[in-house]
Amino acid sequence: MEKVAIDDVDIEVNPMNVHSVRRPVSRALGCTDFAMNYFELESGESFSGGYHTHHDQEEVFYVQEGTATFETEAGDVTVEAGEVIRFAPGDFQKGYNDADEPVVGFAFGAPGARHDWDEIESMIYCQDCEAEVGHGLELTDEGVFRMTCTDCGNSFTIG
């Protein structure tokens, strides 16, 4: 058994600086098969860096306070305090706070306490393809993201 207070979990900031408070709770608990992250999102901040999918993991988001908006393949979906939303592996989404009030919530993922970077695909505009297409994601040893177009192979770094 492990126990931790959310406020005792160190804040880990995304290299793309898309949120100011993310606490990797599952890592603090030593989880191996389940991911749990606590978020506080100010206006304009997001849970992740962009519109993406995890091919190896399903995700569930619980909004404890505020209202989060999720871009999905079916259009924008609003998730109010006390509501949850689930994304199956392969479902594209981006969750963010487009309201004035903060959003407090949790992101849960399974299987695995951490996703495999090779199994994430982000939809980004490719200058070579001149279209928004899928890009593979790699976290480099320097702590920046390398994005590689799945159509033409063009790559660039963020962070």
N, C-alpha and C. Protein backbone atom coordinates (compact mmCIF):
# COMPACT_ATOMS: atom_id res chain seq x y z
N MET A 1 0.84 -1.18 0.00
CA MET A 1 0.00 0.00 0.00
C MET A 1 0.89 1.24 0.00
N GLU A 2 0.46 2.24 -0.77
CA GLU A 2 1.13 3.55 -0.79
C GLU A 2 0.06 4.62 -0.61
N LYS A 3 0.46 5.71 0.02
CA LYS A 3 -0.46 6.83 0.24
C LYS A 3 0.31 8.12 0.03
N VAL A 4 -0.33 9.11 -0.60
CA VAL A 4 0.32 10.40 -0.82
C VAL A 4 -0.75 11.49 -0.85
N ALA A 5 -0.40 12.66 -0.37
CA ALA A 5 -1.27 13.83 -0.50
C ALA A 5 -0.95 14.50 -1.83
N ILE A 6 -1.97 14.91 -2.56
CA ILE A 6 -1.78 15.54 -3.88
C ILE A 6 -0.79 16.70 -3.78
N ASP A 7 -0.94 17.55 -2.77
CA ASP A 7 -0.06 18.71 -2.62
C ASP A 7 1.40 18.34 -2.34
N ASP A 8 1.66 17.10 -1.92
CA ASP A 8 3.02 16.65 -1.65
C ASP A 8 3.72 16.11 -2.91
N VAL A 9 2.96 15.92 -3.99
CA VAL A 9 3.54 15.43 -5.24
C VAL A 9 4.15 16.62 -5.98
N ASP A 10 5.41 16.51 -6.34
CA ASP A 10 6.10 17.60 -7.04
C ASP A 10 5.43 17.93 -8.37
N ILE A 11 5.41 19.21 -8.71
CA ILE A 11 4.88 19.66 -9.99
C ILE A 11 5.89 19.33 -11.07
N GLU A 12 5.41 18.75 -12.15
CA GLU A 12 6.24 18.43 -13.32
C GLU A 12 5.65 19.18 -14.52
N VAL A 13 6.40 20.14 -15.02
CA VAL A 13 5.90 21.00 -16.10
C VAL A 13 6.18 20.35 -17.45
N ASN A 14 5.22 20.39 -18.33
CA ASN A 14 5.36 19.89 -19.70
C ASN A 14 6.43 20.72 -20.41
N PRO A 15 7.33 20.08 -21.19
CA PRO A 15 8.37 20.84 -21.90
C PRO A 15 7.82 21.91 -22.85
N MET A 16 6.55 21.76 -23.26
CA MET A 16 5.94 22.74 -24.16
C MET A 16 5.25 23.87 -23.39
N ASN A 17 5.35 23.83 -22.05
CA ASN A 17 4.77 24.88 -21.19
C ASN A 17 3.29 25.14 -21.47
N VAL A 18 2.49 24.07 -21.57
CA VAL A 18 1.07 24.22 -21.86
C VAL A 18 0.21 24.25 -20.60
N HIS A 19 0.81 23.94 -19.45
CA HIS A 19 0.11 24.05 -18.17
C HIS A 19 1.13 24.37 -17.09
N SER A 20 0.63 24.96 -16.01
CA SER A 20 1.56 25.34 -14.94
C SER A 20 1.56 24.35 -13.78
N VAL A 21 0.48 23.58 -13.61
CA VAL A 21 0.42 22.61 -12.52
C VAL A 21 0.00 21.24 -13.05
N ARG A 22 0.95 20.30 -13.00
CA ARG A 22 0.69 18.88 -13.30
C ARG A 22 1.45 18.09 -12.26
N ARG A 23 0.74 17.25 -11.55
CA ARG A 23 1.36 16.44 -10.51
C ARG A 23 1.19 14.95 -10.88
N PRO A 24 2.30 14.26 -11.19
CA PRO A 24 2.22 12.85 -11.59
C PRO A 24 1.99 11.94 -10.38
N VAL A 25 0.74 11.79 -10.00
CA VAL A 25 0.36 11.06 -8.79
C VAL A 25 0.74 9.58 -8.88
N SER A 26 0.50 8.97 -10.02
CA SER A 26 0.79 7.54 -10.15
C SER A 26 2.28 7.25 -9.96
N ARG A 27 3.14 8.14 -10.43
CA ARG A 27 4.58 7.96 -10.23
C ARG A 27 4.92 8.04 -8.75
N ALA A 28 4.32 9.00 -8.03
CA ALA A 28 4.57 9.13 -6.59
C ALA A 28 4.10 7.90 -5.82
N LEU A 29 3.07 7.24 -6.34
CA LEU A 29 2.55 6.03 -5.68
C LEU A 29 3.28 4.76 -6.13
N GLY A 30 4.12 4.87 -7.15
CA GLY A 30 4.83 3.70 -7.65
C GLY A 30 4.00 2.79 -8.54
N CYS A 31 2.96 3.35 -9.17
CA CYS A 31 2.09 2.55 -10.04
C CYS A 31 2.86 2.05 -11.26
N THR A 32 2.53 0.84 -11.71
CA THR A 32 3.16 0.27 -12.89
C THR A 32 2.17 0.03 -14.03
N ASP A 33 0.87 -0.04 -13.72
CA ASP A 33 -0.13 -0.39 -14.73
C ASP A 33 -1.23 0.64 -14.92
N PHE A 34 -1.08 1.80 -14.27
CA PHE A 34 -2.15 2.80 -14.25
C PHE A 34 -1.52 4.18 -14.11
N ALA A 35 -1.97 5.13 -14.93
CA ALA A 35 -1.46 6.50 -14.86
C ALA A 35 -2.51 7.42 -14.26
N MET A 36 -2.07 8.34 -13.41
CA MET A 36 -2.96 9.32 -12.79
C MET A 36 -2.18 10.62 -12.63
N ASN A 37 -2.69 11.67 -13.24
CA ASN A 37 -2.07 12.99 -13.15
C ASN A 37 -3.10 14.01 -12.69
N TYR A 38 -2.70 14.86 -11.76
CA TYR A 38 -3.53 15.94 -11.24
C TYR A 38 -3.16 17.22 -11.98
N PHE A 39 -4.16 18.00 -12.38
CA PHE A 39 -3.93 19.24 -13.12
C PHE A 39 -4.69 20.40 -12.50
N GLU A 40 -4.07 21.57 -12.57
CA GLU A 40 -4.74 22.85 -12.35
C GLU A 40 -4.45 23.67 -13.59
N LEU A 41 -5.49 24.00 -14.33
CA LEU A 41 -5.32 24.73 -15.59
C LEU A 41 -5.89 26.14 -15.46
N GLU A 42 -5.05 27.13 -15.70
CA GLU A 42 -5.52 28.50 -15.80
C GLU A 42 -6.14 28.70 -17.18
N SER A 43 -6.81 29.81 -17.37
CA SER A 43 -7.43 30.12 -18.66
C SER A 43 -6.38 30.03 -19.77
N GLY A 44 -6.68 29.31 -20.83
CA GLY A 44 -5.78 29.15 -21.96
C GLY A 44 -4.83 27.98 -21.86
N GLU A 45 -4.73 27.33 -20.70
CA GLU A 45 -3.83 26.20 -20.54
C GLU A 45 -4.52 24.90 -20.96
N SER A 46 -3.71 23.87 -21.25
CA SER A 46 -4.27 22.59 -21.68
C SER A 46 -3.64 21.43 -20.92
N PHE A 47 -4.32 20.28 -20.98
CA PHE A 47 -3.81 19.06 -20.35
C PHE A 47 -2.56 18.57 -21.08
N SER A 48 -2.52 18.76 -22.39
CA SER A 48 -1.39 18.28 -23.20
C SER A 48 -1.04 19.33 -24.24
N GLY A 49 -0.05 19.03 -25.06
CA GLY A 49 0.46 20.01 -26.00
C GLY A 49 -0.37 20.24 -27.24
N GLY A 50 -1.26 19.36 -27.58
CA GLY A 50 -2.02 19.55 -28.81
C GLY A 50 -2.98 18.41 -29.08
N TYR A 51 -3.62 18.48 -30.22
CA TYR A 51 -4.59 17.49 -30.66
C TYR A 51 -3.83 16.20 -30.95
N HIS A 52 -4.12 15.13 -30.20
CA HIS A 52 -3.30 13.92 -30.27
C HIS A 52 -4.11 12.68 -29.90
N THR A 53 -3.50 11.52 -30.09
CA THR A 53 -4.06 10.27 -29.64
C THR A 53 -2.95 9.41 -29.04
N HIS A 54 -3.34 8.50 -28.19
CA HIS A 54 -2.45 7.47 -27.66
C HIS A 54 -2.91 6.16 -28.30
N HIS A 55 -2.07 5.55 -29.08
CA HIS A 55 -2.45 4.29 -29.71
C HIS A 55 -2.35 3.13 -28.72
N ASP A 56 -1.66 3.34 -27.59
CA ASP A 56 -1.43 2.26 -26.64
C ASP A 56 -2.17 2.43 -25.32
N GLN A 57 -3.00 3.44 -25.18
CA GLN A 57 -3.57 3.73 -23.87
C GLN A 57 -4.93 4.42 -24.02
N GLU A 58 -5.89 4.01 -23.19
CA GLU A 58 -7.13 4.78 -23.11
C GLU A 58 -6.98 5.81 -22.01
N GLU A 59 -7.70 6.92 -22.15
CA GLU A 59 -7.62 8.00 -21.17
C GLU A 59 -9.00 8.38 -20.67
N VAL A 60 -9.08 8.70 -19.39
CA VAL A 60 -10.29 9.22 -18.78
C VAL A 60 -9.92 10.50 -18.06
N PHE A 61 -10.69 11.54 -18.28
CA PHE A 61 -10.48 12.83 -17.60
C PHE A 61 -11.66 13.10 -16.68
N TYR A 62 -11.37 13.47 -15.44
CA TYR A 62 -12.38 13.86 -14.47
C TYR A 62 -12.16 15.32 -14.14
N VAL A 63 -13.20 16.14 -14.31
CA VAL A 63 -13.12 17.56 -13.98
C VAL A 63 -13.72 17.75 -12.58
N GLN A 64 -12.87 18.15 -11.65
CA GLN A 64 -13.29 18.34 -10.27
C GLN A 64 -13.88 19.74 -10.07
N GLU A 65 -13.25 20.74 -10.70
CA GLU A 65 -13.72 22.13 -10.60
C GLU A 65 -13.59 22.79 -11.95
N GLY A 66 -14.52 23.67 -12.27
CA GLY A 66 -14.46 24.42 -13.52
C GLY A 66 -15.09 23.68 -14.68
N THR A 67 -14.76 24.14 -15.88
CA THR A 67 -15.29 23.55 -17.11
C THR A 67 -14.15 23.40 -18.11
N ALA A 68 -13.93 22.18 -18.57
CA ALA A 68 -12.90 21.91 -19.58
C ALA A 68 -13.59 21.69 -20.92
N THR A 69 -12.90 22.05 -21.98
CA THR A 69 -13.37 21.81 -23.34
C THR A 69 -12.43 20.82 -23.99
N PHE A 70 -12.99 19.85 -24.70
CA PHE A 70 -12.18 18.87 -25.41
C PHE A 70 -12.50 18.95 -26.89
N GLU A 71 -11.45 19.19 -27.69
CA GLU A 71 -11.58 19.04 -29.14
C GLU A 71 -11.58 17.56 -29.42
N THR A 72 -12.56 17.09 -30.18
CA THR A 72 -12.64 15.68 -30.53
C THR A 72 -12.95 15.57 -32.02
N GLU A 73 -12.88 14.35 -32.53
CA GLU A 73 -13.21 14.12 -33.93
C GLU A 73 -14.69 14.43 -34.20
N ALA A 74 -15.52 14.38 -33.15
CA ALA A 74 -16.95 14.67 -33.30
C ALA A 74 -17.28 16.14 -33.03
N GLY A 75 -16.28 16.97 -32.75
CA GLY A 75 -16.50 18.37 -32.42
C GLY A 75 -16.12 18.64 -30.98
N ASP A 76 -16.32 19.88 -30.54
CA ASP A 76 -15.98 20.26 -29.18
C ASP A 76 -16.98 19.69 -28.18
N VAL A 77 -16.46 19.20 -27.05
CA VAL A 77 -17.28 18.64 -25.98
C VAL A 77 -16.91 19.37 -24.70
N THR A 78 -17.91 19.88 -23.99
CA THR A 78 -17.71 20.57 -22.72
C THR A 78 -17.89 19.56 -21.58
N VAL A 79 -16.95 19.57 -20.64
CA VAL A 79 -17.01 18.69 -19.48
C VAL A 79 -17.03 19.57 -18.24
N GLU A 80 -18.13 19.49 -17.52
CA GLU A 80 -18.35 20.32 -16.33
C GLU A 80 -17.81 19.63 -15.08
N ALA A 81 -17.71 20.39 -13.99
CA ALA A 81 -17.30 19.83 -12.70
C ALA A 81 -18.20 18.64 -12.34
N GLY A 82 -17.57 17.56 -11.92
CA GLY A 82 -18.31 16.35 -11.55
C GLY A 82 -18.56 15.40 -12.72
N GLU A 83 -18.06 15.75 -13.92
CA GLU A 83 -18.24 14.89 -15.09
C GLU A 83 -16.92 14.28 -15.52
N VAL A 84 -17.03 13.18 -16.27
CA VAL A 84 -15.86 12.49 -16.81
C VAL A 84 -16.05 12.28 -18.31
N ILE A 85 -14.94 12.12 -19.01
CA ILE A 85 -14.97 11.83 -20.44
C ILE A 85 -13.88 10.79 -20.72
N ARG A 86 -14.19 9.82 -21.60
CA ARG A 86 -13.25 8.73 -21.91
C ARG A 86 -12.87 8.79 -23.38
N PHE A 87 -11.58 8.51 -23.65
CA PHE A 87 -11.08 8.40 -25.02
C PHE A 87 -10.42 7.03 -25.16
N ALA A 88 -10.89 6.27 -26.14
CA ALA A 88 -10.31 4.97 -26.43
C ALA A 88 -8.98 5.14 -27.14
N PRO A 89 -8.11 4.12 -27.12
CA PRO A 89 -6.88 4.21 -27.91
C PRO A 89 -7.23 4.53 -29.37
N GLY A 90 -6.53 5.51 -29.94
CA GLY A 90 -6.81 5.92 -31.31
C GLY A 90 -7.76 7.09 -31.45
N ASP A 91 -8.46 7.47 -30.37
CA ASP A 91 -9.34 8.65 -30.41
C ASP A 91 -8.49 9.91 -30.27
N PHE A 92 -8.61 10.83 -31.21
CA PHE A 92 -7.89 12.10 -31.12
C PHE A 92 -8.64 13.05 -30.19
N GLN A 93 -7.87 13.82 -29.39
CA GLN A 93 -8.48 14.79 -28.47
C GLN A 93 -7.45 15.81 -28.02
N LYS A 94 -7.97 16.93 -27.55
CA LYS A 94 -7.17 17.94 -26.85
C LYS A 94 -8.08 18.58 -25.82
N GLY A 95 -7.69 18.50 -24.55
CA GLY A 95 -8.46 19.10 -23.48
C GLY A 95 -7.81 20.38 -23.00
N TYR A 96 -8.63 21.41 -22.79
CA TYR A 96 -8.07 22.71 -22.38
C TYR A 96 -9.09 23.52 -21.62
N ASN A 97 -8.63 24.63 -21.06
CA ASN A 97 -9.49 25.55 -20.32
C ASN A 97 -9.67 26.80 -21.17
N ASP A 98 -10.88 26.99 -21.71
CA ASP A 98 -11.15 28.21 -22.47
C ASP A 98 -12.08 29.15 -21.70
N ALA A 99 -12.22 28.91 -20.39
CA ALA A 99 -13.04 29.77 -19.54
C ALA A 99 -12.12 30.68 -18.71
N ASP A 100 -12.72 31.61 -17.99
CA ASP A 100 -11.95 32.52 -17.14
C ASP A 100 -11.57 31.87 -15.81
N GLU A 101 -12.40 30.93 -15.32
CA GLU A 101 -12.14 30.28 -14.04
C GLU A 101 -11.18 29.10 -14.24
N PRO A 102 -10.38 28.81 -13.21
CA PRO A 102 -9.45 27.67 -13.31
C PRO A 102 -10.19 26.33 -13.45
N VAL A 103 -9.52 25.36 -14.02
CA VAL A 103 -10.00 23.98 -14.09
C VAL A 103 -9.10 23.15 -13.20
N VAL A 104 -9.69 22.34 -12.36
CA VAL A 104 -8.96 21.37 -11.55
C VAL A 104 -9.48 20.00 -11.95
N GLY A 105 -8.58 19.09 -12.26
CA GLY A 105 -9.03 17.77 -12.68
C GLY A 105 -7.92 16.75 -12.70
N PHE A 106 -8.30 15.56 -13.11
CA PHE A 106 -7.38 14.42 -13.17
C PHE A 106 -7.44 13.78 -14.54
N ALA A 107 -6.30 13.27 -14.98
CA ALA A 107 -6.22 12.45 -16.19
C ALA A 107 -5.78 11.06 -15.74
N PHE A 108 -6.51 10.05 -16.18
CA PHE A 108 -6.20 8.66 -15.85
C PHE A 108 -5.92 7.92 -17.16
N GLY A 109 -4.95 7.01 -17.14
CA GLY A 109 -4.64 6.23 -18.33
C GLY A 109 -4.29 4.81 -17.98
N ALA A 110 -4.63 3.90 -18.89
CA ALA A 110 -4.30 2.49 -18.71
C ALA A 110 -4.30 1.82 -20.08
N PRO A 111 -3.58 0.76 -20.30
CA PRO A 111 -2.66 0.18 -19.34
C PRO A 111 -1.35 0.95 -19.31
N GLY A 112 -0.63 0.77 -18.27
CA GLY A 112 0.68 1.40 -18.13
C GLY A 112 0.64 2.67 -17.32
N ALA A 113 1.65 2.84 -16.48
CA ALA A 113 1.74 4.05 -15.67
C ALA A 113 2.28 5.22 -16.47
N ARG A 114 2.92 4.91 -17.60
CA ARG A 114 3.43 5.94 -18.51
C ARG A 114 3.14 5.47 -19.92
N HIS A 115 2.79 6.42 -20.78
CA HIS A 115 2.56 6.04 -22.17
C HIS A 115 3.88 5.90 -22.90
N ASP A 116 3.84 5.17 -23.97
CA ASP A 116 5.02 4.99 -24.82
C ASP A 116 5.02 6.13 -25.83
N TRP A 117 6.08 6.95 -25.84
CA TRP A 117 6.15 8.10 -26.73
C TRP A 117 5.97 7.69 -28.19
N ASP A 118 6.43 6.48 -28.55
CA ASP A 118 6.29 6.00 -29.93
C ASP A 118 4.84 5.73 -30.31
N GLU A 119 3.95 5.65 -29.33
CA GLU A 119 2.54 5.35 -29.57
C GLU A 119 1.65 6.59 -29.55
N ILE A 120 2.26 7.77 -29.51
CA ILE A 120 1.50 9.02 -29.55
C ILE A 120 1.58 9.60 -30.95
N GLU A 121 0.46 10.07 -31.44
CA GLU A 121 0.41 10.74 -32.74
C GLU A 121 -0.31 12.06 -32.57
N SER A 122 0.32 13.13 -33.06
CA SER A 122 -0.27 14.47 -32.97
C SER A 122 -0.60 14.97 -34.36
N MET A 123 -1.71 15.68 -34.47
CA MET A 123 -2.09 16.31 -35.73
C MET A 123 -1.52 17.72 -35.75
N ILE A 124 -0.59 17.95 -36.69
CA ILE A 124 0.11 19.23 -36.78
C ILE A 124 0.24 19.60 -38.25
N TYR A 125 0.27 20.89 -38.52
CA TYR A 125 0.48 21.37 -39.88
C TYR A 125 1.92 21.07 -40.30
N CYS A 126 2.07 20.42 -41.45
CA CYS A 126 3.40 20.12 -42.00
C CYS A 126 3.67 21.09 -43.15
N GLN A 127 4.76 21.83 -43.06
CA GLN A 127 5.10 22.80 -44.10
C GLN A 127 5.43 22.11 -45.42
N ASP A 128 6.04 20.94 -45.36
CA ASP A 128 6.38 20.24 -46.60
C ASP A 128 5.14 19.67 -47.29
N CYS A 129 4.22 19.09 -46.50
CA CYS A 129 2.99 18.50 -47.06
C CYS A 129 1.92 19.57 -47.33
N GLU A 130 2.08 20.73 -46.70
CA GLU A 130 1.11 21.83 -46.77
C GLU A 130 -0.28 21.38 -46.35
N ALA A 131 -0.32 20.58 -45.26
CA ALA A 131 -1.58 20.09 -44.72
C ALA A 131 -1.38 19.69 -43.26
N GLU A 132 -2.48 19.60 -42.52
CA GLU A 132 -2.43 19.10 -41.16
C GLU A 132 -2.47 17.58 -41.23
N VAL A 133 -1.38 16.95 -40.80
CA VAL A 133 -1.25 15.49 -40.88
C VAL A 133 -0.66 14.96 -39.58
N GLY A 134 -0.73 13.65 -39.42
CA GLY A 134 -0.20 13.01 -38.23
C GLY A 134 1.31 13.14 -38.12
N HIS A 135 1.77 13.33 -36.90
CA HIS A 135 3.20 13.42 -36.60
C HIS A 135 3.51 12.51 -35.43
N GLY A 136 4.57 11.72 -35.56
CA GLY A 136 5.06 10.94 -34.44
C GLY A 136 5.75 11.85 -33.45
N LEU A 137 5.84 11.41 -32.21
CA LEU A 137 6.38 12.23 -31.13
C LEU A 137 7.51 11.48 -30.44
N GLU A 138 8.60 12.18 -30.20
CA GLU A 138 9.73 11.60 -29.49
C GLU A 138 10.25 12.63 -28.49
N LEU A 139 10.46 12.22 -27.25
CA LEU A 139 11.07 13.09 -26.26
C LEU A 139 12.57 12.84 -26.32
N THR A 140 13.34 13.86 -26.68
CA THR A 140 14.79 13.71 -26.86
C THR A 140 15.51 13.73 -25.52
N ASP A 141 16.79 13.37 -25.54
CA ASP A 141 17.61 13.40 -24.33
C ASP A 141 17.76 14.82 -23.80
N GLU A 142 17.56 15.82 -24.66
CA GLU A 142 17.66 17.22 -24.25
C GLU A 142 16.37 17.73 -23.61
N GLY A 143 15.33 16.87 -23.53
CA GLY A 143 14.07 17.25 -22.92
C GLY A 143 13.15 18.06 -23.82
N VAL A 144 13.35 18.00 -25.13
CA VAL A 144 12.47 18.66 -26.09
C VAL A 144 11.77 17.58 -26.92
N PHE A 145 10.67 17.95 -27.54
CA PHE A 145 9.93 17.02 -28.37
C PHE A 145 10.38 17.12 -29.82
N ARG A 146 10.62 15.99 -30.45
CA ARG A 146 10.87 15.94 -31.89
C ARG A 146 9.59 15.40 -32.54
N MET A 147 9.04 16.19 -33.45
CA MET A 147 7.83 15.83 -34.18
C MET A 147 8.24 15.41 -35.59
N THR A 148 7.77 14.24 -36.06
CA THR A 148 8.12 13.74 -37.38
C THR A 148 6.86 13.43 -38.16
N CYS A 149 6.72 14.05 -39.33
CA CYS A 149 5.55 13.86 -40.18
C CYS A 149 5.48 12.40 -40.63
N THR A 150 4.30 11.79 -40.44
CA THR A 150 4.13 10.38 -40.84
C THR A 150 3.98 10.23 -42.35
N ASP A 151 3.74 11.36 -43.06
CA ASP A 151 3.61 11.29 -44.53
C ASP A 151 4.94 11.50 -45.24
N CYS A 152 5.68 12.58 -44.89
CA CYS A 152 6.88 12.92 -45.66
C CYS A 152 8.19 12.73 -44.87
N GLY A 153 8.11 12.53 -43.54
CA GLY A 153 9.31 12.34 -42.76
C GLY A 153 9.98 13.60 -42.27
N ASN A 154 9.46 14.80 -42.63
CA ASN A 154 10.02 16.06 -42.16
C ASN A 154 9.91 16.10 -40.62
N SER A 155 10.95 16.59 -39.94
CA SER A 155 10.89 16.67 -38.48
C SER A 155 11.35 18.03 -37.99
N PHE A 156 10.88 18.37 -36.77
CA PHE A 156 11.27 19.62 -36.12
C PHE A 156 11.14 19.40 -34.61
N THR A 157 11.72 20.29 -33.82
CA THR A 157 11.66 20.15 -32.37
C THR A 157 10.85 21.28 -31.76
N ILE A 158 10.26 20.98 -30.58
CA ILE A 158 9.47 21.93 -29.80
C ILE A 158 9.98 21.84 -28.37
N GLY A 159 10.14 23.00 -27.75
CA GLY A 159 10.45 22.99 -26.32
C GLY A 159 11.73 23.55 -25.96
